[in-house]
Amino acid sequence: MSDKGNRPSSEQIDEDKLMTFPCDFALKVMGEDINDYSAYVLSICQKHVKGVTESCVHTRPSRNGKYIAVTVQLVATSRQQLDDLYIELNAYEHTKMAL
């Protein structure tokens, strides 16, 4: 028995209502640990979000040191702002994923 009729379709969900802005947000990015990747992530975040400093950035290298996980604590002001961040971060050739 399916409960598909009880759930809204993805077309019916208003994504802007899933989050209330402004809100604290932890941006997580994984990339190759080269060319000071965490500084690159910080610079992109500073371009899109006011008040982001080095103290907002936390890093964790992968076991073999090839990759680095970067978490940036920021205050998101809109869905568009987050979309712009993700687009720019994912466009960089050394980024593997942004969550």
PDB file of N, CA and C in Angstrom:
ATOM      1  N   MET A   1       0.837  -1.184   0.000  1.00  0.00           N
ATOM      2  CA  MET A   1       0.000   0.000   0.000  1.00  0.00           C
ATOM      3  C   MET A   1       0.882   1.246   0.000  1.00  0.00           C
ATOM      4  N   SER A   2       0.627   2.161  -0.865  1.00  0.00           N
ATOM      5  CA  SER A   2       1.451   3.359  -1.003  1.00  0.00           C
ATOM      6  C   SER A   2       0.835   4.532  -0.261  1.00  0.00           C
ATOM      7  N   ASP A   3       1.727   5.325   0.358  1.00  0.00           N
ATOM      8  CA  ASP A   3       1.237   6.542   1.011  1.00  0.00           C
ATOM      9  C   ASP A   3       1.619   7.763   0.195  1.00  0.00           C
ATOM     10  N   LYS A   4       1.868   7.556  -1.084  1.00  0.00           N
ATOM     11  CA  LYS A   4       2.274   8.636  -1.976  1.00  0.00           C
ATOM     12  C   LYS A   4       1.267   9.790  -1.969  1.00  0.00           C
ATOM     13  N   GLY A   5       0.011   9.480  -1.830  1.00  0.00           N
ATOM     14  CA  GLY A   5      -1.009  10.518  -1.814  1.00  0.00           C
ATOM     15  C   GLY A   5      -0.956  11.394  -0.576  1.00  0.00           C
ATOM     16  N   ASN A   6      -0.279  10.942   0.469  1.00  0.00           N
ATOM     17  CA  ASN A   6      -0.180  11.706   1.710  1.00  0.00           C
ATOM     18  C   ASN A   6       1.002  12.659   1.736  1.00  0.00           C
ATOM     19  N   ARG A   7       1.923  12.515   0.817  1.00  0.00           N
ATOM     20  CA  ARG A   7       3.125  13.350   0.792  1.00  0.00           C
ATOM     21  C   ARG A   7       3.022  14.375  -0.333  1.00  0.00           C
ATOM     22  N   PRO A   8       3.501  15.587  -0.066  1.00  0.00           N
ATOM     23  CA  PRO A   8       3.519  16.561  -1.158  1.00  0.00           C
ATOM     24  C   PRO A   8       4.595  16.181  -2.167  1.00  0.00           C
ATOM     25  N   SER A   9       4.326  16.417  -3.417  1.00  0.00           N
ATOM     26  CA  SER A   9       5.341  16.156  -4.435  1.00  0.00           C
ATOM     27  C   SER A   9       6.420  17.217  -4.305  1.00  0.00           C
ATOM     28  N   SER A  10       7.573  16.959  -4.908  1.00  0.00           N
ATOM     29  CA  SER A  10       8.669  17.917  -4.838  1.00  0.00           C
ATOM     30  C   SER A  10       8.257  19.249  -5.462  1.00  0.00           C
ATOM     31  N   GLU A  11       7.326  19.215  -6.395  1.00  0.00           N
ATOM     32  CA  GLU A  11       6.852  20.442  -7.021  1.00  0.00           C
ATOM     33  C   GLU A  11       5.986  21.259  -6.071  1.00  0.00           C
ATOM     34  N   GLN A  12       5.385  20.611  -5.071  1.00  0.00           N
ATOM     35  CA  GLN A  12       4.509  21.309  -4.141  1.00  0.00           C
ATOM     36  C   GLN A  12       5.262  21.902  -2.953  1.00  0.00           C
ATOM     37  N   ILE A  13       6.507  21.475  -2.719  1.00  0.00           N
ATOM     38  CA  ILE A  13       7.278  21.959  -1.582  1.00  0.00           C
ATOM     39  C   ILE A  13       7.900  23.298  -1.941  1.00  0.00           C
ATOM     40  N   ASP A  14       7.642  24.295  -1.132  1.00  0.00           N
ATOM     41  CA  ASP A  14       8.253  25.601  -1.313  1.00  0.00           C
ATOM     42  C   ASP A  14       9.560  25.600  -0.536  1.00  0.00           C
ATOM     43  N   GLU A  15      10.682  25.469  -1.250  1.00  0.00           N
ATOM     44  CA  GLU A  15      11.976  25.322  -0.600  1.00  0.00           C
ATOM     45  C   GLU A  15      12.333  26.512   0.280  1.00  0.00           C
ATOM     46  N   ASP A  16      11.860  27.697  -0.023  1.00  0.00           N
ATOM     47  CA  ASP A  16      12.156  28.855   0.805  1.00  0.00           C
ATOM     48  C   ASP A  16      11.538  28.722   2.190  1.00  0.00           C
ATOM     49  N   LYS A  17      10.503  27.917   2.322  1.00  0.00           N
ATOM     50  CA  LYS A  17       9.854  27.747   3.614  1.00  0.00           C
ATOM     51  C   LYS A  17      10.528  26.679   4.462  1.00  0.00           C
ATOM     52  N   LEU A  18      11.456  25.914   3.888  1.00  0.00           N
ATOM     53  CA  LEU A  18      12.167  24.895   4.646  1.00  0.00           C
ATOM     54  C   LEU A  18      13.159  25.524   5.619  1.00  0.00           C
ATOM     55  N   MET A  19      13.609  26.710   5.314  1.00  0.00           N
ATOM     56  CA  MET A  19      14.544  27.434   6.172  1.00  0.00           C
ATOM     57  C   MET A  19      13.996  28.834   6.418  1.00  0.00           C
ATOM     58  N   THR A  20      14.249  29.345   7.591  1.00  0.00           N
ATOM     59  CA  THR A  20      13.873  30.715   7.914  1.00  0.00           C
ATOM     60  C   THR A  20      15.144  31.549   7.936  1.00  0.00           C
ATOM     61  N   PHE A  21      15.158  32.605   7.179  1.00  0.00           N
ATOM     62  CA  PHE A  21      16.340  33.466   7.072  1.00  0.00           C
ATOM     63  C   PHE A  21      16.125  34.747   7.842  1.00  0.00           C
ATOM     64  N   PRO A  22      17.188  35.308   8.398  1.00  0.00           N
ATOM     65  CA  PRO A  22      18.556  34.790   8.455  1.00  0.00           C
ATOM     66  C   PRO A  22      18.641  33.611   9.421  1.00  0.00           C
ATOM     67  N   CYS A  23      19.665  32.764   9.197  1.00  0.00           N
ATOM     68  CA  CYS A  23      19.865  31.601  10.067  1.00  0.00           C
ATOM     69  C   CYS A  23      21.344  31.220  10.115  1.00  0.00           C
ATOM     70  N   ASP A  24      21.730  30.610  11.231  1.00  0.00           N
ATOM     71  CA  ASP A  24      23.079  30.059  11.333  1.00  0.00           C
ATOM     72  C   ASP A  24      23.158  28.878  10.387  1.00  0.00           C
ATOM     73  N   PHE A  25      24.282  28.758   9.694  1.00  0.00           N
ATOM     74  CA  PHE A  25      24.418  27.716   8.690  1.00  0.00           C
ATOM     75  C   PHE A  25      25.848  27.201   8.701  1.00  0.00           C
ATOM     76  N   ALA A  26      26.011  25.906   8.649  1.00  0.00           N
ATOM     77  CA  ALA A  26      27.335  25.287   8.552  1.00  0.00           C
ATOM     78  C   ALA A  26      27.534  24.801   7.117  1.00  0.00           C
ATOM     79  N   LEU A  27      28.325  25.521   6.377  1.00  0.00           N
ATOM     80  CA  LEU A  27      28.644  25.162   4.997  1.00  0.00           C
ATOM     81  C   LEU A  27      29.783  24.158   5.033  1.00  0.00           C
ATOM     82  N   LYS A  28      29.609  23.024   4.392  1.00  0.00           N
ATOM     83  CA  LYS A  28      30.630  21.979   4.381  1.00  0.00           C
ATOM     84  C   LYS A  28      31.102  21.751   2.961  1.00  0.00           C
ATOM     85  N   VAL A  29      32.423  21.808   2.790  1.00  0.00           N
ATOM     86  CA  VAL A  29      33.023  21.675   1.470  1.00  0.00           C
ATOM     87  C   VAL A  29      34.194  20.694   1.566  1.00  0.00           C
ATOM     88  N   MET A  30      34.328  19.849   0.566  1.00  0.00           N
ATOM     89  CA  MET A  30      35.451  18.908   0.500  1.00  0.00           C
ATOM     90  C   MET A  30      36.197  19.181  -0.783  1.00  0.00           C
ATOM     91  N   GLY A  31      37.533  19.276  -0.664  1.00  0.00           N
ATOM     92  CA  GLY A  31      38.327  19.522  -1.852  1.00  0.00           C
ATOM     93  C   GLY A  31      39.715  18.939  -1.730  1.00  0.00           C
ATOM     94  N   GLU A  32      40.470  19.041  -2.797  1.00  0.00           N
ATOM     95  CA  GLU A  32      41.856  18.583  -2.796  1.00  0.00           C
ATOM     96  C   GLU A  32      42.659  19.525  -1.907  1.00  0.00           C
ATOM     97  N   ASP A  33      43.520  18.964  -1.083  1.00  0.00           N
ATOM     98  CA  ASP A  33      44.303  19.769  -0.145  1.00  0.00           C
ATOM     99  C   ASP A  33      45.546  20.329  -0.831  1.00  0.00           C
ATOM    100  N   ILE A  34      45.301  21.261  -1.770  1.00  0.00           N
ATOM    101  CA  ILE A  34      46.390  21.916  -2.497  1.00  0.00           C
ATOM    102  C   ILE A  34      46.087  23.400  -2.604  1.00  0.00           C
ATOM    103  N   ASN A  35      47.138  24.167  -2.823  1.00  0.00           N
ATOM    104  CA  ASN A  35      46.998  25.613  -3.057  1.00  0.00           C
ATOM    105  C   ASN A  35      46.171  26.307  -1.972  1.00  0.00           C
ATOM    106  N   ASP A  36      46.336  25.895  -0.716  1.00  0.00           N
ATOM    107  CA  ASP A  36      45.612  26.493   0.412  1.00  0.00           C
ATOM    108  C   ASP A  36      44.109  26.545   0.138  1.00  0.00           C
ATOM    109  N   TYR A  37      43.554  25.375  -0.067  1.00  0.00           N
ATOM    110  CA  TYR A  37      42.138  25.228  -0.411  1.00  0.00           C
ATOM    111  C   TYR A  37      41.226  25.917   0.595  1.00  0.00           C
ATOM    112  N   SER A  38      41.543  25.810   1.886  1.00  0.00           N
ATOM    113  CA  SER A  38      40.678  26.430   2.896  1.00  0.00           C
ATOM    114  C   SER A  38      40.655  27.951   2.757  1.00  0.00           C
ATOM    115  N   ALA A  39      41.759  28.552   2.348  1.00  0.00           N
ATOM    116  CA  ALA A  39      41.789  30.009   2.122  1.00  0.00           C
ATOM    117  C   ALA A  39      40.905  30.377   0.932  1.00  0.00           C
ATOM    118  N   TYR A  40      40.881  29.513  -0.087  1.00  0.00           N
ATOM    119  CA  TYR A  40      40.001  29.736  -1.237  1.00  0.00           C
ATOM    120  C   TYR A  40      38.543  29.717  -0.784  1.00  0.00           C
ATOM    121  N   VAL A  41      38.168  28.700  -0.008  1.00  0.00           N
ATOM    122  CA  VAL A  41      36.792  28.588   0.481  1.00  0.00           C
ATOM    123  C   VAL A  41      36.434  29.821   1.310  1.00  0.00           C
ATOM    124  N   LEU A  42      37.332  30.245   2.192  1.00  0.00           N
ATOM    125  CA  LEU A  42      37.090  31.441   3.004  1.00  0.00           C
ATOM    126  C   LEU A  42      36.866  32.659   2.116  1.00  0.00           C
ATOM    127  N   SER A  43      37.681  32.834   1.093  1.00  0.00           N
ATOM    128  CA  SER A  43      37.542  34.019   0.229  1.00  0.00           C
ATOM    129  C   SER A  43      36.200  34.035  -0.497  1.00  0.00           C
ATOM    130  N   ILE A  44      35.728  32.872  -0.930  1.00  0.00           N
ATOM    131  CA  ILE A  44      34.429  32.812  -1.614  1.00  0.00           C
ATOM    132  C   ILE A  44      33.312  33.120  -0.616  1.00  0.00           C
ATOM    133  N   CYS A  45      33.416  32.572   0.587  1.00  0.00           N
ATOM    134  CA  CYS A  45      32.398  32.855   1.608  1.00  0.00           C
ATOM    135  C   CYS A  45      32.367  34.342   1.952  1.00  0.00           C
ATOM    136  N   GLN A  46      33.539  34.959   2.071  1.00  0.00           N
ATOM    137  CA  GLN A  46      33.601  36.390   2.385  1.00  0.00           C
ATOM    138  C   GLN A  46      33.016  37.235   1.262  1.00  0.00           C
ATOM    139  N   LYS A  47      33.105  36.760   0.039  1.00  0.00           N
ATOM    140  CA  LYS A  47      32.535  37.460  -1.116  1.00  0.00           C
ATOM    141  C   LYS A  47      31.005  37.498  -1.038  1.00  0.00           C
ATOM    142  N   HIS A  48      30.410  36.440  -0.487  1.00  0.00           N
ATOM    143  CA  HIS A  48      28.956  36.305  -0.477  1.00  0.00           C
ATOM    144  C   HIS A  48      28.295  36.597   0.870  1.00  0.00           C
ATOM    145  N   VAL A  49      29.080  36.539   1.968  1.00  0.00           N
ATOM    146  CA  VAL A  49      28.499  36.659   3.303  1.00  0.00           C
ATOM    147  C   VAL A  49      29.319  37.626   4.142  1.00  0.00           C
ATOM    148  N   LYS A  50      28.662  38.605   4.720  1.00  0.00           N
ATOM    149  CA  LYS A  50      29.349  39.559   5.595  1.00  0.00           C
ATOM    150  C   LYS A  50      29.693  38.897   6.922  1.00  0.00           C
ATOM    151  N   GLY A  51      30.822  39.291   7.481  1.00  0.00           N
ATOM    152  CA  GLY A  51      31.189  38.853   8.821  1.00  0.00           C
ATOM    153  C   GLY A  51      31.890  37.515   8.915  1.00  0.00           C
ATOM    154  N   VAL A  52      32.222  36.890   7.796  1.00  0.00           N
ATOM    155  CA  VAL A  52      32.928  35.611   7.837  1.00  0.00           C
ATOM    156  C   VAL A  52      34.424  35.898   7.995  1.00  0.00           C
ATOM    157  N   THR A  53      35.022  35.312   9.034  1.00  0.00           N
ATOM    158  CA  THR A  53      36.450  35.487   9.304  1.00  0.00           C
ATOM    159  C   THR A  53      37.123  34.127   9.400  1.00  0.00           C
ATOM    160  N   GLU A  54      38.434  34.123   9.556  1.00  0.00           N
ATOM    161  CA  GLU A  54      39.182  32.871   9.692  1.00  0.00           C
ATOM    162  C   GLU A  54      38.694  32.051  10.872  1.00  0.00           C
ATOM    163  N   SER A  55      38.212  32.728  11.919  1.00  0.00           N
ATOM    164  CA  SER A  55      37.736  31.990  13.101  1.00  0.00           C
ATOM    165  C   SER A  55      36.455  31.209  12.813  1.00  0.00           C
ATOM    166  N   CYS A  56      35.799  31.486  11.707  1.00  0.00           N
ATOM    167  CA  CYS A  56      34.574  30.775  11.308  1.00  0.00           C
ATOM    168  C   CYS A  56      34.884  29.480  10.558  1.00  0.00           C
ATOM    169  N   VAL A  57      36.143  29.278  10.222  1.00  0.00           N
ATOM    170  CA  VAL A  57      36.554  28.151   9.381  1.00  0.00           C
ATOM    171  C   VAL A  57      37.199  27.058  10.226  1.00  0.00           C
ATOM    172  N   HIS A  58      36.745  25.832  10.007  1.00  0.00           N
ATOM    173  CA  HIS A  58      37.325  24.668  10.665  1.00  0.00           C
ATOM    174  C   HIS A  58      37.682  23.658   9.580  1.00  0.00           C
ATOM    175  N   THR A  59      38.871  23.069   9.701  1.00  0.00           N
ATOM    176  CA  THR A  59      39.323  22.129   8.685  1.00  0.00           C
ATOM    177  C   THR A  59      39.664  20.773   9.300  1.00  0.00           C
ATOM    178  N   ARG A  60      39.587  19.761   8.453  1.00  0.00           N
ATOM    179  CA  ARG A  60      39.970  18.403   8.868  1.00  0.00           C
ATOM    180  C   ARG A  60      40.534  17.701   7.639  1.00  0.00           C
ATOM    181  N   PRO A  61      41.805  17.295   7.712  1.00  0.00           N
ATOM    182  CA  PRO A  61      42.391  16.593   6.570  1.00  0.00           C
ATOM    183  C   PRO A  61      41.877  15.155   6.480  1.00  0.00           C
ATOM    184  N   SER A  62      41.903  14.610   5.278  1.00  0.00           N
ATOM    185  CA  SER A  62      41.543  13.206   5.107  1.00  0.00           C
ATOM    186  C   SER A  62      42.661  12.335   5.670  1.00  0.00           C
ATOM    187  N   ARG A  63      42.378  11.067   5.812  1.00  0.00           N
ATOM    188  CA  ARG A  63      43.353  10.133   6.385  1.00  0.00           C
ATOM    189  C   ARG A  63      44.673  10.141   5.623  1.00  0.00           C
ATOM    190  N   ASN A  64      44.595  10.174   4.319  1.00  0.00           N
ATOM    191  CA  ASN A  64      45.820  10.123   3.512  1.00  0.00           C
ATOM    192  C   ASN A  64      46.361  11.508   3.171  1.00  0.00           C
ATOM    193  N   GLY A  65      45.662  12.564   3.568  1.00  0.00           N
ATOM    194  CA  GLY A  65      46.143  13.920   3.340  1.00  0.00           C
ATOM    195  C   GLY A  65      45.883  14.472   1.954  1.00  0.00           C
ATOM    196  N   LYS A  66      45.214  13.727   1.123  1.00  0.00           N
ATOM    197  CA  LYS A  66      44.953  14.206  -0.250  1.00  0.00           C
ATOM    198  C   LYS A  66      43.818  15.231  -0.282  1.00  0.00           C
ATOM    199  N   TYR A  67      42.850  15.093   0.628  1.00  0.00           N
ATOM    200  CA  TYR A  67      41.684  15.970   0.652  1.00  0.00           C
ATOM    201  C   TYR A  67      41.582  16.704   1.986  1.00  0.00           C
ATOM    202  N   ILE A  68      40.798  17.748   1.981  1.00  0.00           N
ATOM    203  CA  ILE A  68      40.543  18.491   3.205  1.00  0.00           C
ATOM    204  C   ILE A  68      39.054  18.826   3.278  1.00  0.00           C
ATOM    205  N   ALA A  69      38.488  18.639   4.447  1.00  0.00           N
ATOM    206  CA  ALA A  69      37.096  19.024   4.690  1.00  0.00           C
ATOM    207  C   ALA A  69      37.120  20.400   5.355  1.00  0.00           C
ATOM    208  N   VAL A  70      36.346  21.314   4.810  1.00  0.00           N
ATOM    209  CA  VAL A  70      36.287  22.678   5.332  1.00  0.00           C
ATOM    210  C   VAL A  70      34.849  22.962   5.745  1.00  0.00           C
ATOM    211  N   THR A  71      34.662  23.374   6.992  1.00  0.00           N
ATOM    212  CA  THR A  71      33.349  23.782   7.485  1.00  0.00           C
ATOM    213  C   THR A  71      33.425  25.258   7.819  1.00  0.00           C
ATOM    214  N   VAL A  72      32.472  26.013   7.292  1.00  0.00           N
ATOM    215  CA  VAL A  72      32.414  27.447   7.553  1.00  0.00           C
ATOM    216  C   VAL A  72      31.089  27.750   8.251  1.00  0.00           C
ATOM    217  N   GLN A  73      31.174  28.288   9.455  1.00  0.00           N
ATOM    218  CA  GLN A  73      29.981  28.705  10.194  1.00  0.00           C
ATOM    219  C   GLN A  73      29.652  30.128   9.745  1.00  0.00           C
ATOM    220  N   LEU A  74      28.444  30.323   9.242  1.00  0.00           N
ATOM    221  CA  LEU A  74      28.060  31.640   8.739  1.00  0.00           C
ATOM    222  C   LEU A  74      26.588  31.903   9.011  1.00  0.00           C
ATOM    223  N   VAL A  75      26.188  33.129   8.764  1.00  0.00           N
ATOM    224  CA  VAL A  75      24.780  33.498   8.873  1.00  0.00           C
ATOM    225  C   VAL A  75      24.258  33.691   7.456  1.00  0.00           C
ATOM    226  N   ALA A  76      23.398  32.783   7.037  1.00  0.00           N
ATOM    227  CA  ALA A  76      22.802  32.847   5.695  1.00  0.00           C
ATOM    228  C   ALA A  76      21.607  33.779   5.729  1.00  0.00           C
ATOM    229  N   THR A  77      21.501  34.609   4.711  1.00  0.00           N
ATOM    230  CA  THR A  77      20.406  35.578   4.665  1.00  0.00           C
ATOM    231  C   THR A  77      19.338  35.244   3.627  1.00  0.00           C
ATOM    232  N   SER A  78      19.647  34.316   2.704  1.00  0.00           N
ATOM    233  CA  SER A  78      18.640  33.940   1.703  1.00  0.00           C
ATOM    234  C   SER A  78      19.027  32.639   1.017  1.00  0.00           C
ATOM    235  N   ARG A  79      18.060  32.018   0.411  1.00  0.00           N
ATOM    236  CA  ARG A  79      18.301  30.804  -0.375  1.00  0.00           C
ATOM    237  C   ARG A  79      19.188  31.138  -1.574  1.00  0.00           C
ATOM    238  N   GLN A  80      18.964  32.287  -2.179  1.00  0.00           N
ATOM    239  CA  GLN A  80      19.771  32.698  -3.333  1.00  0.00           C
ATOM    240  C   GLN A  80      21.240  32.844  -2.946  1.00  0.00           C
ATOM    241  N   GLN A  81      21.500  33.396  -1.781  1.00  0.00           N
ATOM    242  CA  GLN A  81      22.872  33.543  -1.303  1.00  0.00           C
ATOM    243  C   GLN A  81      23.549  32.171  -1.192  1.00  0.00           C
ATOM    244  N   LEU A  82      22.853  31.203  -0.615  1.00  0.00           N
ATOM    245  CA  LEU A  82      23.411  29.859  -0.485  1.00  0.00           C
ATOM    246  C   LEU A  82      23.606  29.213  -1.852  1.00  0.00           C
ATOM    247  N   ASP A  83      22.646  29.380  -2.743  1.00  0.00           N
ATOM    248  CA  ASP A  83      22.779  28.830  -4.091  1.00  0.00           C
ATOM    249  C   ASP A  83      24.007  29.411  -4.790  1.00  0.00           C
ATOM    250  N   ASP A  84      24.206  30.716  -4.664  1.00  0.00           N
ATOM    251  CA  ASP A  84      25.362  31.369  -5.287  1.00  0.00           C
ATOM    252  C   ASP A  84      26.670  30.833  -4.718  1.00  0.00           C
ATOM    253  N   LEU A  85      26.711  30.622  -3.415  1.00  0.00           N
ATOM    254  CA  LEU A  85      27.896  30.039  -2.775  1.00  0.00           C
ATOM    255  C   LEU A  85      28.187  28.657  -3.346  1.00  0.00           C
ATOM    256  N   TYR A  86      27.176  27.799  -3.372  1.00  0.00           N
ATOM    257  CA  TYR A  86      27.357  26.435  -3.861  1.00  0.00           C
ATOM    258  C   TYR A  86      27.798  26.418  -5.324  1.00  0.00           C
ATOM    259  N   ILE A  87      27.210  27.263  -6.133  1.00  0.00           N
ATOM    260  CA  ILE A  87      27.573  27.308  -7.559  1.00  0.00           C
ATOM    261  C   ILE A  87      29.042  27.685  -7.720  1.00  0.00           C
ATOM    262  N   GLU A  88      29.468  28.733  -7.022  1.00  0.00           N
ATOM    263  CA  GLU A  88      30.852  29.180  -7.168  1.00  0.00           C
ATOM    264  C   GLU A  88      31.843  28.168  -6.586  1.00  0.00           C
ATOM    265  N   LEU A  89      31.527  27.604  -5.439  1.00  0.00           N
ATOM    266  CA  LEU A  89      32.429  26.615  -4.837  1.00  0.00           C
ATOM    267  C   LEU A  89      32.535  25.359  -5.693  1.00  0.00           C
ATOM    268  N   ASN A  90      31.425  24.893  -6.230  1.00  0.00           N
ATOM    269  CA  ASN A  90      31.441  23.685  -7.057  1.00  0.00           C
ATOM    270  C   ASN A  90      32.089  23.903  -8.424  1.00  0.00           C
ATOM    271  N   ALA A  91      32.163  25.135  -8.873  1.00  0.00           N
ATOM    272  CA  ALA A  91      32.775  25.425 -10.172  1.00  0.00           C
ATOM    273  C   ALA A  91      34.302  25.320 -10.103  1.00  0.00           C
ATOM    274  N   TYR A  92      34.865  25.391  -8.914  1.00  0.00           N
ATOM    275  CA  TYR A  92      36.322  25.325  -8.750  1.00  0.00           C
ATOM    276  C   TYR A  92      36.791  23.899  -8.996  1.00  0.00           C
ATOM    277  N   GLU A  93      37.804  23.743  -9.809  1.00  0.00           N
ATOM    278  CA  GLU A  93      38.253  22.416 -10.228  1.00  0.00           C
ATOM    279  C   GLU A  93      38.733  21.525  -9.085  1.00  0.00           C
ATOM    280  N   HIS A  94      39.153  22.100  -7.958  1.00  0.00           N
ATOM    281  CA  HIS A  94      39.657  21.292  -6.850  1.00  0.00           C
ATOM    282  C   HIS A  94      38.592  20.941  -5.824  1.00  0.00           C
ATOM    283  N   THR A  95      37.369  21.453  -6.007  1.00  0.00           N
ATOM    284  CA  THR A  95      36.270  21.100  -5.111  1.00  0.00           C
ATOM    285  C   THR A  95      35.685  19.768  -5.540  1.00  0.00           C
ATOM    286  N   LYS A  96      35.505  18.885  -4.572  1.00  0.00           N
ATOM    287  CA  LYS A  96      34.911  17.583  -4.853  1.00  0.00           C
ATOM    288  C   LYS A  96      33.419  17.577  -4.512  1.00  0.00           C
ATOM    289  N   MET A  97      33.030  18.285  -3.446  1.00  0.00           N
ATOM    290  CA  MET A  97      31.596  18.400  -3.110  1.00  0.00           C
ATOM    291  C   MET A  97      31.394  19.523  -2.109  1.00  0.00           C
ATOM    292  N   ALA A  98      30.202  20.090  -2.156  1.00  0.00           N
ATOM    293  CA  ALA A  98      29.797  21.118  -1.205  1.00  0.00           C
ATOM    294  C   ALA A  98      28.415  20.740  -0.692  1.00  0.00           C
ATOM    295  N   LEU A  99      28.252  20.757   0.629  1.00  0.00           N
ATOM    296  CA  LEU A  99      26.985  20.374   1.256  1.00  0.00           C
ATOM    297  C   LEU A  99      26.457  21.526   2.087  1.00  0.00           C
TER     298      LEU A  99
END
